């Protein structure tokens, strides 16, 4: 069983949650991230390498003394298109190539259900075609192709496709919901917002990663969807956050077609952080089958959509002062609201 893990993207939202999870189970940790590692609660207990997954030398330094790798580093949808492709595809190849050189046989690759694009049926299963939407979804599908190359060469590479995951330190687009809720505002939703829509708690994702590290290679050397078992719709789950905020506010429907046209225009002008994957899918059903992960990994998600969102909202309220003046393009900081800061006054 592995005793030292390398977590790429260790300074990110999933990275820090996974590092804390693994440290609680007595595992050694190395972190590789292009961003500085600011988590004082664990920084003295792990080995930190600041570097880019596209930099072979940095990856090689990070892999010294490592037994297994969790490849969670990725350039997210708001990054420049060139960085998305080079980080997500070329960076994945570099990580796998260096891992093979270091004779590390197990690399757990964190993909995304965005590789499916906008499916025409639900629930989506692992054998469905990959039709990623936008540079991020397409790049993650290509990264999986790279994983399959190295898997065919004898490496054990579990591929995990989680739904959008939520938990402590998750901000990004969800910070919009939490900020509006904390200010006592209504929250807009495209159309009725009543179609089933699945999320995932980050702790449940960490449990699945832990299973992929411990179970036999012949069991985990496969591809798995991950999501909550108990979920509602954007309307019902976002309403749970507004109810928890205690101001009596409501989720408000706005006409989907004109809103999507407006969001496309605003996003193309750099005035809105809401990218196509969000506004093209939030009004549609979005559910993946987790039966394979339940059967082979023993996956038993503990948190519902509502519990995940409310727990994340409580974390947001407790740490609001820490990131009030921050903004960026990662999941660990609020996104720049752009023109949405003016629009929210209408709600």
C-alpha atoms as a PDB file:
ATOM      1  CA  UNK A   1       0.000   0.000   0.000  1.00  0.00           C
ATOM      2  CA  UNK A   2       1.378   3.475  -0.866  1.00  0.00           C
ATOM      3  CA  UNK A   3       2.893   5.424   1.988  1.00  0.00           C
ATOM      4  CA  UNK A   4       3.865   8.638   0.192  1.00  0.00           C
ATOM      5  CA  UNK A   5       1.626  10.403  -2.293  1.00  0.00           C
ATOM      6  CA  UNK A   6       2.425  13.170  -4.735  1.00  0.00           C
ATOM      7  CA  UNK A   7      -0.589  15.433  -5.193  1.00  0.00           C
ATOM      8  CA  UNK A   8      -0.300  17.630  -8.278  1.00  0.00           C
ATOM      9  CA  UNK A   9      -2.336  20.773  -7.841  1.00  0.00           C
ATOM     10  CA  UNK A  10      -1.754  20.410  -4.103  1.00  0.00           C
ATOM     11  CA  UNK A  11      -2.355  24.089  -3.361  1.00  0.00           C
ATOM     12  CA  UNK A  12      -5.777  24.013  -5.018  1.00  0.00           C
ATOM     13  CA  UNK A  13      -9.247  23.270  -3.677  1.00  0.00           C
ATOM     14  CA  UNK A  14      -9.166  19.515  -4.202  1.00  0.00           C
ATOM     15  CA  UNK A  15      -5.459  19.375  -3.446  1.00  0.00           C
ATOM     16  CA  UNK A  16      -5.637  20.828   0.057  1.00  0.00           C
ATOM     17  CA  UNK A  17      -8.715  18.803   0.986  1.00  0.00           C
ATOM     18  CA  UNK A  18      -7.023  15.622  -0.240  1.00  0.00           C
ATOM     19  CA  UNK A  19      -3.770  16.423   1.557  1.00  0.00           C
ATOM     20  CA  UNK A  20      -5.621  16.892   4.848  1.00  0.00           C
ATOM     21  CA  UNK A  21      -7.563  13.675   4.205  1.00  0.00           C
ATOM     22  CA  UNK A  22      -4.401  11.658   3.529  1.00  0.00           C
ATOM     23  CA  UNK A  23      -2.457  13.192   6.419  1.00  0.00           C
ATOM     24  CA  UNK A  24      -5.286  12.181   8.772  1.00  0.00           C
ATOM     25  CA  UNK A  25      -4.649   8.608   7.611  1.00  0.00           C
ATOM     26  CA  UNK A  26      -0.931   8.740   8.298  1.00  0.00           C
ATOM     27  CA  UNK A  27       0.246   9.106   4.695  1.00  0.00           C
ATOM     28  CA  UNK A  28       3.332  11.007   3.583  1.00  0.00           C
ATOM     29  CA  UNK A  29       2.665  13.825   1.117  1.00  0.00           C
ATOM     30  CA  UNK A  30       4.483  15.810  -1.533  1.00  0.00           C
ATOM     31  CA  UNK A  31       2.686  18.686  -3.263  1.00  0.00           C
ATOM     32  CA  UNK A  32       3.402  20.107  -6.701  1.00  0.00           C
ATOM     33  CA  UNK A  33       1.643  23.303  -7.726  1.00  0.00           C
ATOM     34  CA  UNK A  34       2.469  26.370  -9.766  1.00  0.00           C
ATOM     35  CA  UNK A  35       0.806  28.450  -7.033  1.00  0.00           C
ATOM     36  CA  UNK A  36       2.414  29.069  -3.628  1.00  0.00           C
ATOM     37  CA  UNK A  37       1.307  26.747  -0.825  1.00  0.00           C
ATOM     38  CA  UNK A  38      -0.291  28.906   1.885  1.00  0.00           C
ATOM     39  CA  UNK A  39      -1.921  26.280   4.101  1.00  0.00           C
ATOM     40  CA  UNK A  40      -0.190  26.769   7.420  1.00  0.00           C
ATOM     41  CA  UNK A  41      -2.014  23.895   9.105  1.00  0.00           C
ATOM     42  CA  UNK A  42      -0.162  21.286   7.013  1.00  0.00           C
ATOM     43  CA  UNK A  43       2.767  23.023   5.330  1.00  0.00           C
ATOM     44  CA  UNK A  44       5.243  21.807   7.973  1.00  0.00           C
ATOM     45  CA  UNK A  45       4.104  18.203   7.553  1.00  0.00           C
ATOM     46  CA  UNK A  46       4.564  17.807   3.795  1.00  0.00           C
ATOM     47  CA  UNK A  47       7.173  18.379   1.107  1.00  0.00           C
ATOM     48  CA  UNK A  48       6.230  21.310  -1.116  1.00  0.00           C
ATOM     49  CA  UNK A  49       7.562  21.757  -4.638  1.00  0.00           C
ATOM     50  CA  UNK A  50       6.491  24.950  -6.384  1.00  0.00           C
ATOM     51  CA  UNK A  51       6.488  24.240 -10.073  1.00  0.00           C
ATOM     52  CA  UNK A  52       4.483  23.601 -13.228  1.00  0.00           C
ATOM     53  CA  UNK A  53       3.309  20.163 -14.397  1.00  0.00           C
ATOM     54  CA  UNK A  54       4.552  21.195 -17.834  1.00  0.00           C
ATOM     55  CA  UNK A  55       8.082  21.490 -16.410  1.00  0.00           C
ATOM     56  CA  UNK A  56       9.679  18.066 -16.528  1.00  0.00           C
ATOM     57  CA  UNK A  57      12.372  19.013 -14.043  1.00  0.00           C
ATOM     58  CA  UNK A  58       9.853  20.228 -11.461  1.00  0.00           C
ATOM     59  CA  UNK A  59       7.772  17.082 -11.885  1.00  0.00           C
ATOM     60  CA  UNK A  60      10.871  14.895 -11.457  1.00  0.00           C
ATOM     61  CA  UNK A  61      11.854  16.717  -8.239  1.00  0.00           C
ATOM     62  CA  UNK A  62       8.341  16.321  -6.872  1.00  0.00           C
ATOM     63  CA  UNK A  63       8.319  12.560  -7.559  1.00  0.00           C
ATOM     64  CA  UNK A  64      11.421  11.749  -5.536  1.00  0.00           C
ATOM     65  CA  UNK A  65      10.550   9.151  -2.914  1.00  0.00           C
ATOM     66  CA  UNK A  66       6.911   8.904  -4.018  1.00  0.00           C
ATOM     67  CA  UNK A  67       4.877   5.667  -4.100  1.00  0.00           C
ATOM     68  CA  UNK A  68       1.724   6.910  -5.896  1.00  0.00           C
ATOM     69  CA  UNK A  69       0.504  10.032  -7.659  1.00  0.00           C
ATOM     70  CA  UNK A  70      -2.860  11.796  -7.610  1.00  0.00           C
ATOM     71  CA  UNK A  71      -2.878  14.019 -10.683  1.00  0.00           C
ATOM     72  CA  UNK A  72      -5.325  16.781  -9.819  1.00  0.00           C
ATOM     73  CA  UNK A  73      -3.560  19.767 -11.413  1.00  0.00           C
ATOM     74  CA  UNK A  74      -5.540  21.411 -14.199  1.00  0.00           C
ATOM     75  CA  UNK A  75      -6.027  24.730 -15.929  1.00  0.00           C
ATOM     76  CA  UNK A  76      -9.671  25.635 -15.364  1.00  0.00           C
ATOM     77  CA  UNK A  77     -12.154  27.094 -17.880  1.00  0.00           C
ATOM     78  CA  UNK A  78     -11.310  30.765 -17.205  1.00  0.00           C
ATOM     79  CA  UNK A  79      -7.613  30.257 -18.009  1.00  0.00           C
ATOM     80  CA  UNK A  80      -6.239  31.295 -21.430  1.00  0.00           C
ATOM     81  CA  UNK A  81      -7.032  28.642 -24.032  1.00  0.00           C
ATOM     82  CA  UNK A  82      -3.360  27.867 -24.720  1.00  0.00           C
ATOM     83  CA  UNK A  83      -2.715  27.235 -21.017  1.00  0.00           C
ATOM     84  CA  UNK A  84      -5.759  24.976 -20.788  1.00  0.00           C
ATOM     85  CA  UNK A  85      -4.497  22.670 -23.518  1.00  0.00           C
ATOM     86  CA  UNK A  86      -0.820  22.667 -22.573  1.00  0.00           C
ATOM     87  CA  UNK A  87      -1.514  22.150 -18.866  1.00  0.00           C
ATOM     88  CA  UNK A  88      -4.289  19.597 -19.134  1.00  0.00           C
ATOM     89  CA  UNK A  89      -2.936  17.542 -22.040  1.00  0.00           C
ATOM     90  CA  UNK A  90       0.824  18.113 -22.200  1.00  0.00           C
ATOM     91  CA  UNK A  91       1.076  18.364 -18.410  1.00  0.00           C
ATOM     92  CA  UNK A  92      -0.700  15.042 -18.007  1.00  0.00           C
ATOM     93  CA  UNK A  93       1.709  13.402 -20.441  1.00  0.00           C
ATOM     94  CA  UNK A  94       4.677  14.833 -18.558  1.00  0.00           C
ATOM     95  CA  UNK A  95       3.355  13.589 -15.199  1.00  0.00           C
ATOM     96  CA  UNK A  96       2.757  10.083 -16.567  1.00  0.00           C
ATOM     97  CA  UNK A  97       6.066   9.926 -18.401  1.00  0.00           C
ATOM     98  CA  UNK A  98       8.060  10.963 -15.331  1.00  0.00           C
ATOM     99  CA  UNK A  99       6.037   8.582 -13.146  1.00  0.00           C
ATOM    100  CA  UNK A 100       6.955   5.738 -15.508  1.00  0.00           C
ATOM    101  CA  UNK A 101      10.626   6.725 -15.340  1.00  0.00           C
ATOM    102  CA  UNK A 102      10.409   6.646 -11.538  1.00  0.00           C
ATOM    103  CA  UNK A 103       8.699   3.229 -11.730  1.00  0.00           C
ATOM    104  CA  UNK A 104       5.582   4.553 -10.058  1.00  0.00           C
ATOM    105  CA  UNK A 105       2.947   2.147 -11.243  1.00  0.00           C
ATOM    106  CA  UNK A 106      -0.201   3.853  -9.945  1.00  0.00           C
ATOM    107  CA  UNK A 107      -1.287   7.358 -11.004  1.00  0.00           C
ATOM    108  CA  UNK A 108      -4.853   8.375 -10.112  1.00  0.00           C
ATOM    109  CA  UNK A 109      -6.061  10.828 -12.734  1.00  0.00           C
ATOM    110  CA  UNK A 110      -8.756  13.335 -11.796  1.00  0.00           C
ATOM    111  CA  UNK A 111     -10.854  13.998 -14.865  1.00  0.00           C
ATOM    112  CA  UNK A 112     -14.374  15.484 -14.979  1.00  0.00           C
ATOM    113  CA  UNK A 113     -17.868  14.697 -16.223  1.00  0.00           C
ATOM    114  CA  UNK A 114     -17.405  17.713 -18.514  1.00  0.00           C
ATOM    115  CA  UNK A 115     -15.796  15.236 -20.932  1.00  0.00           C
ATOM    116  CA  UNK A 116     -19.317  14.047 -21.815  1.00  0.00           C
ATOM    117  CA  UNK A 117     -20.346  17.478 -23.071  1.00  0.00           C
ATOM    118  CA  UNK A 118     -24.131  17.848 -23.158  1.00  0.00           C
ATOM    119  CA  UNK A 119     -25.475  14.282 -23.343  1.00  0.00           C
ATOM    120  CA  UNK A 120     -28.795  13.365 -24.940  1.00  0.00           C
ATOM    121  CA  UNK A 121     -29.715  10.900 -22.165  1.00  0.00           C
ATOM    122  CA  UNK A 122     -29.299  10.354 -18.430  1.00  0.00           C
ATOM    123  CA  UNK A 123     -27.856   8.888 -16.357  1.00  0.00           C
ATOM    124  CA  UNK A 124     -24.581   8.974 -18.250  1.00  0.00           C
ATOM    125  CA  UNK A 125     -22.413   5.852 -18.014  1.00  0.00           C
ATOM    126  CA  UNK A 126     -18.661   5.492 -18.414  1.00  0.00           C
ATOM    127  CA  UNK A 127     -18.904   3.973 -21.896  1.00  0.00           C
ATOM    128  CA  UNK A 128     -20.827   6.925 -23.351  1.00  0.00           C
ATOM    129  CA  UNK A 129     -18.989   8.994 -25.991  1.00  0.00           C
ATOM    130  CA  UNK A 130     -16.828  11.944 -24.946  1.00  0.00           C
ATOM    131  CA  UNK A 131     -17.966  15.241 -26.492  1.00  0.00           C
ATOM    132  CA  UNK A 132     -16.406  17.889 -24.266  1.00  0.00           C
ATOM    133  CA  UNK A 133     -17.801  21.414 -24.440  1.00  0.00           C
ATOM    134  CA  UNK A 134     -15.290  24.251 -24.777  1.00  0.00           C
ATOM    135  CA  UNK A 135     -11.508  24.102 -24.409  1.00  0.00           C
ATOM    136  CA  UNK A 136     -11.637  22.719 -20.856  1.00  0.00           C
ATOM    137  CA  UNK A 137     -13.957  19.790 -21.596  1.00  0.00           C
ATOM    138  CA  UNK A 138     -12.140  18.946 -24.817  1.00  0.00           C
ATOM    139  CA  UNK A 139      -8.724  19.130 -23.173  1.00  0.00           C
ATOM    140  CA  UNK A 140      -9.779  16.845 -20.317  1.00  0.00           C
ATOM    141  CA  UNK A 141     -11.076  14.287 -22.827  1.00  0.00           C
ATOM    142  CA  UNK A 142      -7.714  14.410 -24.619  1.00  0.00           C
ATOM    143  CA  UNK A 143      -5.916  14.036 -21.289  1.00  0.00           C
ATOM    144  CA  UNK A 144      -7.866  10.815 -20.764  1.00  0.00           C
ATOM    145  CA  UNK A 145      -6.604   9.578 -24.137  1.00  0.00           C
ATOM    146  CA  UNK A 146      -3.067  10.151 -22.893  1.00  0.00           C
ATOM    147  CA  UNK A 147      -3.897   8.156 -19.758  1.00  0.00           C
ATOM    148  CA  UNK A 148      -5.155   5.262 -21.865  1.00  0.00           C
ATOM    149  CA  UNK A 149      -1.869   5.222 -23.799  1.00  0.00           C
ATOM    150  CA  UNK A 150       0.132   4.777 -20.608  1.00  0.00           C
ATOM    151  CA  UNK A 151      -2.386   2.327 -19.171  1.00  0.00           C
ATOM    152  CA  UNK A 152      -1.919   0.198 -22.283  1.00  0.00           C
ATOM    153  CA  UNK A 153       1.816   0.330 -21.552  1.00  0.00           C
ATOM    154  CA  UNK A 154       1.325  -1.386 -18.210  1.00  0.00           C
ATOM    155  CA  UNK A 155       0.693   1.421 -15.710  1.00  0.00           C
ATOM    156  CA  UNK A 156      -2.261   1.391 -13.320  1.00  0.00           C
ATOM    157  CA  UNK A 157      -4.138   4.629 -14.009  1.00  0.00           C
ATOM    158  CA  UNK A 158      -7.596   4.897 -12.418  1.00  0.00           C
ATOM    159  CA  UNK A 159      -9.538   7.699 -14.091  1.00  0.00           C
ATOM    160  CA  UNK A 160     -12.122   9.442 -11.907  1.00  0.00           C
ATOM    161  CA  UNK A 161     -14.841  11.572 -13.498  1.00  0.00           C
ATOM    162  CA  UNK A 162     -16.420  13.576 -10.679  1.00  0.00           C
ATOM    163  CA  UNK A 163     -19.374  15.887 -10.977  1.00  0.00           C
ATOM    164  CA  UNK A 164     -18.698  19.467  -9.857  1.00  0.00           C
ATOM    165  CA  UNK A 165     -17.494  18.996  -6.301  1.00  0.00           C
ATOM    166  CA  UNK A 166     -18.127  21.248  -3.337  1.00  0.00           C
ATOM    167  CA  UNK A 167     -16.716  21.620   0.150  1.00  0.00           C
ATOM    168  CA  UNK A 168     -14.411  23.683   2.379  1.00  0.00           C
ATOM    169  CA  UNK A 169     -12.410  26.243   0.397  1.00  0.00           C
ATOM    170  CA  UNK A 170     -14.570  25.902  -2.736  1.00  0.00           C
ATOM    171  CA  UNK A 171     -15.385  29.312  -4.128  1.00  0.00           C
ATOM    172  CA  UNK A 172     -15.240  29.997  -7.864  1.00  0.00           C
ATOM    173  CA  UNK A 173     -18.705  30.216  -9.403  1.00  0.00           C
ATOM    174  CA  UNK A 174     -20.371  29.055  -6.167  1.00  0.00           C
ATOM    175  CA  UNK A 175     -19.141  32.212  -4.453  1.00  0.00           C
ATOM    176  CA  UNK A 176     -21.760  34.083  -6.511  1.00  0.00           C
ATOM    177  CA  UNK A 177     -24.556  32.064  -4.896  1.00  0.00           C
ATOM    178  CA  UNK A 178     -23.053  32.372  -1.426  1.00  0.00           C
ATOM    179  CA  UNK A 179     -22.443  36.113  -1.687  1.00  0.00           C
ATOM    180  CA  UNK A 180     -25.957  36.834  -2.924  1.00  0.00           C
ATOM    181  CA  UNK A 181     -27.428  34.582  -0.224  1.00  0.00           C
ATOM    182  CA  UNK A 182     -25.358  36.221   2.524  1.00  0.00           C
ATOM    183  CA  UNK A 183     -26.511  39.675   1.363  1.00  0.00           C
ATOM    184  CA  UNK A 184     -30.161  38.671   1.535  1.00  0.00           C
ATOM    185  CA  UNK A 185     -30.778  38.690  -2.213  1.00  0.00           C
ATOM    186  CA  UNK A 186     -32.882  36.477  -4.437  1.00  0.00           C
ATOM    187  CA  UNK A 187     -30.878  34.274  -6.798  1.00  0.00           C
ATOM    188  CA  UNK A 188     -31.603  33.946 -10.546  1.00  0.00           C
ATOM    189  CA  UNK A 189     -31.863  30.616 -12.337  1.00  0.00           C
ATOM    190  CA  UNK A 190     -32.154  30.015 -16.082  1.00  0.00           C
ATOM    191  CA  UNK A 191     -35.636  28.782 -16.925  1.00  0.00           C
ATOM    192  CA  UNK A 192     -37.504  26.722 -14.356  1.00  0.00           C
ATOM    193  CA  UNK A 193     -34.334  25.150 -12.967  1.00  0.00           C
ATOM    194  CA  UNK A 194     -36.290  22.035 -12.020  1.00  0.00           C
ATOM    195  CA  UNK A 195     -34.320  19.360 -13.873  1.00  0.00           C
ATOM    196  CA  UNK A 196     -32.267  16.836 -11.839  1.00  0.00           C
ATOM    197  CA  UNK A 197     -28.706  18.098 -11.384  1.00  0.00           C
ATOM    198  CA  UNK A 198     -26.030  16.197  -9.484  1.00  0.00           C
ATOM    199  CA  UNK A 199     -23.059  17.545  -7.519  1.00  0.00           C
ATOM    200  CA  UNK A 200     -20.483  15.851  -5.252  1.00  0.00           C
ATOM    201  CA  UNK A 201     -18.947  16.638  -1.868  1.00  0.00           C
ATOM    202  CA  UNK A 202     -15.148  16.842  -1.951  1.00  0.00           C
ATOM    203  CA  UNK A 203     -14.891  14.457   1.009  1.00  0.00           C
ATOM    204  CA  UNK A 204     -16.733  11.803  -0.987  1.00  0.00           C
ATOM    205  CA  UNK A 205     -14.279  12.366  -3.842  1.00  0.00           C
ATOM    206  CA  UNK A 206     -11.363  11.930  -1.428  1.00  0.00           C
ATOM    207  CA  UNK A 207     -12.844   8.630  -0.253  1.00  0.00           C
ATOM    208  CA  UNK A 208     -12.974   7.400  -3.859  1.00  0.00           C
ATOM    209  CA  UNK A 209      -9.349   8.426  -4.417  1.00  0.00           C
ATOM    210  CA  UNK A 210      -8.383   6.563  -1.234  1.00  0.00           C
ATOM    211  CA  UNK A 211     -10.140   3.447  -2.531  1.00  0.00           C
ATOM    212  CA  UNK A 212      -8.257   3.716  -5.827  1.00  0.00           C
ATOM    213  CA  UNK A 213      -4.989   3.848  -3.895  1.00  0.00           C
ATOM    214  CA  UNK A 214      -5.706   0.829  -1.688  1.00  0.00           C
ATOM    215  CA  UNK A 215      -7.670  -1.654  -3.788  1.00  0.00           C
ATOM    216  CA  UNK A 216      -5.998  -4.154  -6.153  1.00  0.00           C
ATOM    217  CA  UNK A 217      -4.776  -2.770  -9.470  1.00  0.00           C
ATOM    218  CA  UNK A 218      -6.980  -5.145 -11.447  1.00  0.00           C
ATOM    219  CA  UNK A 219     -10.024  -3.626  -9.728  1.00  0.00           C
ATOM    220  CA  UNK A 220      -9.211   0.076  -9.997  1.00  0.00           C
ATOM    221  CA  UNK A 221      -7.398   0.269 -13.344  1.00  0.00           C
ATOM    222  CA  UNK A 222     -10.572   1.546 -14.949  1.00  0.00           C
ATOM    223  CA  UNK A 223     -12.736   4.664 -15.342  1.00  0.00           C
ATOM    224  CA  UNK A 224     -15.387   5.711 -12.812  1.00  0.00           C
ATOM    225  CA  UNK A 225     -18.144   8.321 -12.613  1.00  0.00           C
ATOM    226  CA  UNK A 226     -18.611   9.957  -9.206  1.00  0.00           C
ATOM    227  CA  UNK A 227     -21.540  11.998  -7.920  1.00  0.00           C
ATOM    228  CA  UNK A 228     -23.949  12.385  -5.046  1.00  0.00           C
ATOM    229  CA  UNK A 229     -26.548   9.676  -4.599  1.00  0.00           C
ATOM    230  CA  UNK A 230     -29.095  12.147  -3.156  1.00  0.00           C
ATOM    231  CA  UNK A 231     -29.646  15.244  -5.291  1.00  0.00           C
ATOM    232  CA  UNK A 232     -32.384  17.579  -6.420  1.00  0.00           C
ATOM    233  CA  UNK A 233     -32.507  20.358  -9.001  1.00  0.00           C
ATOM    234  CA  UNK A 234     -30.711  23.707  -9.106  1.00  0.00           C
ATOM    235  CA  UNK A 235     -33.940  25.313  -7.944  1.00  0.00           C
ATOM    236  CA  UNK A 236     -34.426  23.070  -4.925  1.00  0.00           C
ATOM    237  CA  UNK A 237     -30.748  22.835  -3.950  1.00  0.00           C
ATOM    238  CA  UNK A 238     -29.969  26.547  -4.336  1.00  0.00           C
ATOM    239  CA  UNK A 239     -33.162  27.328  -2.441  1.00  0.00           C
ATOM    240  CA  UNK A 240     -31.792  25.273   0.456  1.00  0.00           C
ATOM    241  CA  UNK A 241     -28.875  27.721   0.679  1.00  0.00           C
ATOM    242  CA  UNK A 242     -31.192  30.746   0.591  1.00  0.00           C
ATOM    243  CA  UNK A 243     -33.378  29.177   3.287  1.00  0.00           C
ATOM    244  CA  UNK A 244     -30.297  28.492   5.411  1.00  0.00           C
ATOM    245  CA  UNK A 245     -29.233  32.131   5.031  1.00  0.00           C
ATOM    246  CA  UNK A 246     -32.476  33.090   6.772  1.00  0.00           C
ATOM    247  CA  UNK A 247     -33.596  36.146   4.796  1.00  0.00           C
ATOM    248  CA  UNK A 248     -36.675  34.550   3.224  1.00  0.00           C
ATOM    249  CA  UNK A 249     -35.318  35.005  -0.294  1.00  0.00           C
ATOM    250  CA  UNK A 250     -36.187  32.840  -3.293  1.00  0.00           C
ATOM    251  CA  UNK A 251     -34.725  31.352  -6.434  1.00  0.00           C
ATOM    252  CA  UNK A 252     -36.137  33.442  -9.285  1.00  0.00           C
ATOM    253  CA  UNK A 253     -36.627  32.085 -12.806  1.00  0.00           C
ATOM    254  CA  UNK A 254     -35.488  34.177 -15.744  1.00  0.00           C
ATOM    255  CA  UNK A 255     -36.172  33.318 -19.425  1.00  0.00           C
ATOM    256  CA  UNK A 256     -33.426  30.935 -20.489  1.00  0.00           C
ATOM    257  CA  UNK A 257     -33.011  31.730 -24.207  1.00  0.00           C
ATOM    258  CA  UNK A 258     -32.431  35.508 -23.957  1.00  0.00           C
ATOM    259  CA  UNK A 259     -30.345  35.071 -20.793  1.00  0.00           C
ATOM    260  CA  UNK A 260     -28.031  32.580 -22.536  1.00  0.00           C
ATOM    261  CA  UNK A 261     -27.621  34.943 -25.499  1.00  0.00           C
ATOM    262  CA  UNK A 262     -26.749  37.770 -23.118  1.00  0.00           C
ATOM    263  CA  UNK A 263     -24.297  35.594 -21.176  1.00  0.00           C
ATOM    264  CA  UNK A 264     -22.586  34.508 -24.403  1.00  0.00           C
ATOM    265  CA  UNK A 265     -22.119  38.137 -25.384  1.00  0.00           C
ATOM    266  CA  UNK A 266     -20.941  39.259 -21.957  1.00  0.00           C
ATOM    267  CA  UNK A 267     -18.539  36.341 -21.653  1.00  0.00           C
ATOM    268  CA  UNK A 268     -17.056  37.015 -25.102  1.00  0.00           C
ATOM    269  CA  UNK A 269     -16.480  40.650 -24.031  1.00  0.00           C
ATOM    270  CA  UNK A 270     -14.820  39.597 -20.783  1.00  0.00           C
ATOM    271  CA  UNK A 271     -17.617  41.118 -18.701  1.00  0.00           C
ATOM    272  CA  UNK A 272     -18.927  37.934 -17.074  1.00  0.00           C
ATOM    273  CA  UNK A 273     -17.178  34.938 -15.464  1.00  0.00           C
ATOM    274  CA  UNK A 274     -19.998  32.546 -16.422  1.00  0.00           C
ATOM    275  CA  UNK A 275     -18.523  30.319 -19.122  1.00  0.00           C
ATOM    276  CA  UNK A 276     -20.421  28.121 -21.646  1.00  0.00           C
ATOM    277  CA  UNK A 277     -20.315  24.869 -19.654  1.00  0.00           C
ATOM    278  CA  UNK A 278     -22.294  26.573 -16.884  1.00  0.00           C
ATOM    279  CA  UNK A 279     -24.948  28.443 -18.829  1.00  0.00           C
ATOM    280  CA  UNK A 280     -25.376  25.725 -21.462  1.00  0.00           C
ATOM    281  CA  UNK A 281     -25.974  22.925 -18.924  1.00  0.00           C
ATOM    282  CA  UNK A 282     -27.505  24.423 -15.770  1.00  0.00           C
ATOM    283  CA  UNK A 283     -31.015  24.318 -17.248  1.00  0.00           C
ATOM    284  CA  UNK A 284     -30.657  20.728 -18.438  1.00  0.00           C
ATOM    285  CA  UNK A 285     -30.684  17.424 -16.616  1.00  0.00           C
ATOM    286  CA  UNK A 286     -27.171  16.429 -15.560  1.00  0.00           C
ATOM    287  CA  UNK A 287     -26.814  13.053 -13.860  1.00  0.00           C
ATOM    288  CA  UNK A 288     -24.202  10.319 -14.089  1.00  0.00           C
ATOM    289  CA  UNK A 289     -24.520   6.712 -13.019  1.00  0.00           C
ATOM    290  CA  UNK A 290     -22.335   5.898 -10.009  1.00  0.00           C
ATOM    291  CA  UNK A 291     -23.230   2.184 -10.028  1.00  0.00           C
ATOM    292  CA  UNK A 292     -19.809   1.103 -11.297  1.00  0.00           C
ATOM    293  CA  UNK A 293     -17.970   3.022  -8.558  1.00  0.00           C
ATOM    294  CA  UNK A 294     -20.363   1.643  -5.944  1.00  0.00           C
ATOM    295  CA  UNK A 295     -19.812  -1.898  -7.144  1.00  0.00           C
ATOM    296  CA  UNK A 296     -16.042  -1.899  -7.686  1.00  0.00           C
ATOM    297  CA  UNK A 297     -14.746   0.836  -5.367  1.00  0.00           C
ATOM    298  CA  UNK A 298     -17.294   0.464  -2.590  1.00  0.00           C
ATOM    299  CA  UNK A 299     -18.203   4.106  -3.209  1.00  0.00           C
ATOM    300  CA  UNK A 300     -20.856   5.290  -0.739  1.00  0.00           C
ATOM    301  CA  UNK A 301     -21.330   9.064  -0.974  1.00  0.00           C
ATOM    302  CA  UNK A 302     -22.282  10.488   2.415  1.00  0.00           C
ATOM    303  CA  UNK A 303     -23.476  13.932   1.389  1.00  0.00           C
ATOM    304  CA  UNK A 304     -26.466  15.092  -0.629  1.00  0.00           C
ATOM    305  CA  UNK A 305     -26.356  18.127  -2.913  1.00  0.00           C
ATOM    306  CA  UNK A 306     -28.111  20.192  -0.258  1.00  0.00           C
ATOM    307  CA  UNK A 307     -25.768  19.131   2.526  1.00  0.00           C
ATOM    308  CA  UNK A 308     -22.715  19.836   0.377  1.00  0.00           C
ATOM    309  CA  UNK A 309     -23.931  23.309  -0.610  1.00  0.00           C
ATOM    310  CA  UNK A 310     -25.040  24.309   2.889  1.00  0.00           C
ATOM    311  CA  UNK A 311     -21.804  23.066   4.481  1.00  0.00           C
ATOM    312  CA  UNK A 312     -19.804  25.014   1.886  1.00  0.00           C
ATOM    313  CA  UNK A 313     -21.947  28.115   2.530  1.00  0.00           C
ATOM    314  CA  UNK A 314     -21.235  27.893   6.266  1.00  0.00           C
ATOM    315  CA  UNK A 315     -17.506  27.660   5.503  1.00  0.00           C
ATOM    316  CA  UNK A 316     -17.859  30.713   3.228  1.00  0.00           C
ATOM    317  CA  UNK A 317     -19.488  32.741   6.000  1.00  0.00           C
ATOM    318  CA  UNK A 318     -16.821  31.722   8.525  1.00  0.00           C
ATOM    319  CA  UNK A 319     -13.939  32.733   6.213  1.00  0.00           C
ATOM    320  CA  UNK A 320     -15.438  35.648   4.302  1.00  0.00           C
ATOM    321  CA  UNK A 321     -12.968  38.224   5.577  1.00  0.00           C
ATOM    322  CA  UNK A 322     -10.019  36.154   4.361  1.00  0.00           C
ATOM    323  CA  UNK A 323     -10.924  36.439   0.678  1.00  0.00           C
ATOM    324  CA  UNK A 324     -13.094  39.573   0.569  1.00  0.00           C
ATOM    325  CA  UNK A 325     -10.524  41.424  -1.574  1.00  0.00           C
ATOM    326  CA  UNK A 326      -9.409  38.445  -3.630  1.00  0.00           C
ATOM    327  CA  UNK A 327     -10.564  37.495  -7.109  1.00  0.00           C
ATOM    328  CA  UNK A 328      -9.193  35.210  -9.775  1.00  0.00           C
ATOM    329  CA  UNK A 329      -9.836  32.206 -12.009  1.00  0.00           C
ATOM    330  CA  UNK A 330      -9.339  29.224  -9.672  1.00  0.00           C
ATOM    331  CA  UNK A 331     -11.839  27.413  -7.445  1.00  0.00           C
ATOM    332  CA  UNK A 332     -10.160  28.703  -4.273  1.00  0.00           C
ATOM    333  CA  UNK A 333     -10.978  32.396  -4.806  1.00  0.00           C
ATOM    334  CA  UNK A 334     -14.175  34.195  -5.804  1.00  0.00           C
ATOM    335  CA  UNK A 335     -14.394  34.872  -9.501  1.00  0.00           C
ATOM    336  CA  UNK A 336     -14.445  38.450 -10.725  1.00  0.00           C
ATOM    337  CA  UNK A 337     -18.111  39.301 -10.963  1.00  0.00           C
ATOM    338  CA  UNK A 338     -17.777  41.803 -13.775  1.00  0.00           C
ATOM    339  CA  UNK A 339     -21.116  43.196 -14.824  1.00  0.00           C
ATOM    340  CA  UNK A 340     -22.906  40.721 -12.566  1.00  0.00           C
ATOM    341  CA  UNK A 341     -22.028  43.018  -9.643  1.00  0.00           C
ATOM    342  CA  UNK A 342     -24.415  45.565 -11.172  1.00  0.00           C
ATOM    343  CA  UNK A 343     -27.029  43.025 -12.209  1.00  0.00           C
ATOM    344  CA  UNK A 344     -27.326  41.543  -8.736  1.00  0.00           C
ATOM    345  CA  UNK A 345     -28.777  44.838  -7.480  1.00  0.00           C
ATOM    346  CA  UNK A 346     -31.950  43.876  -9.346  1.00  0.00           C
ATOM    347  CA  UNK A 347     -32.425  40.868  -7.069  1.00  0.00           C
END
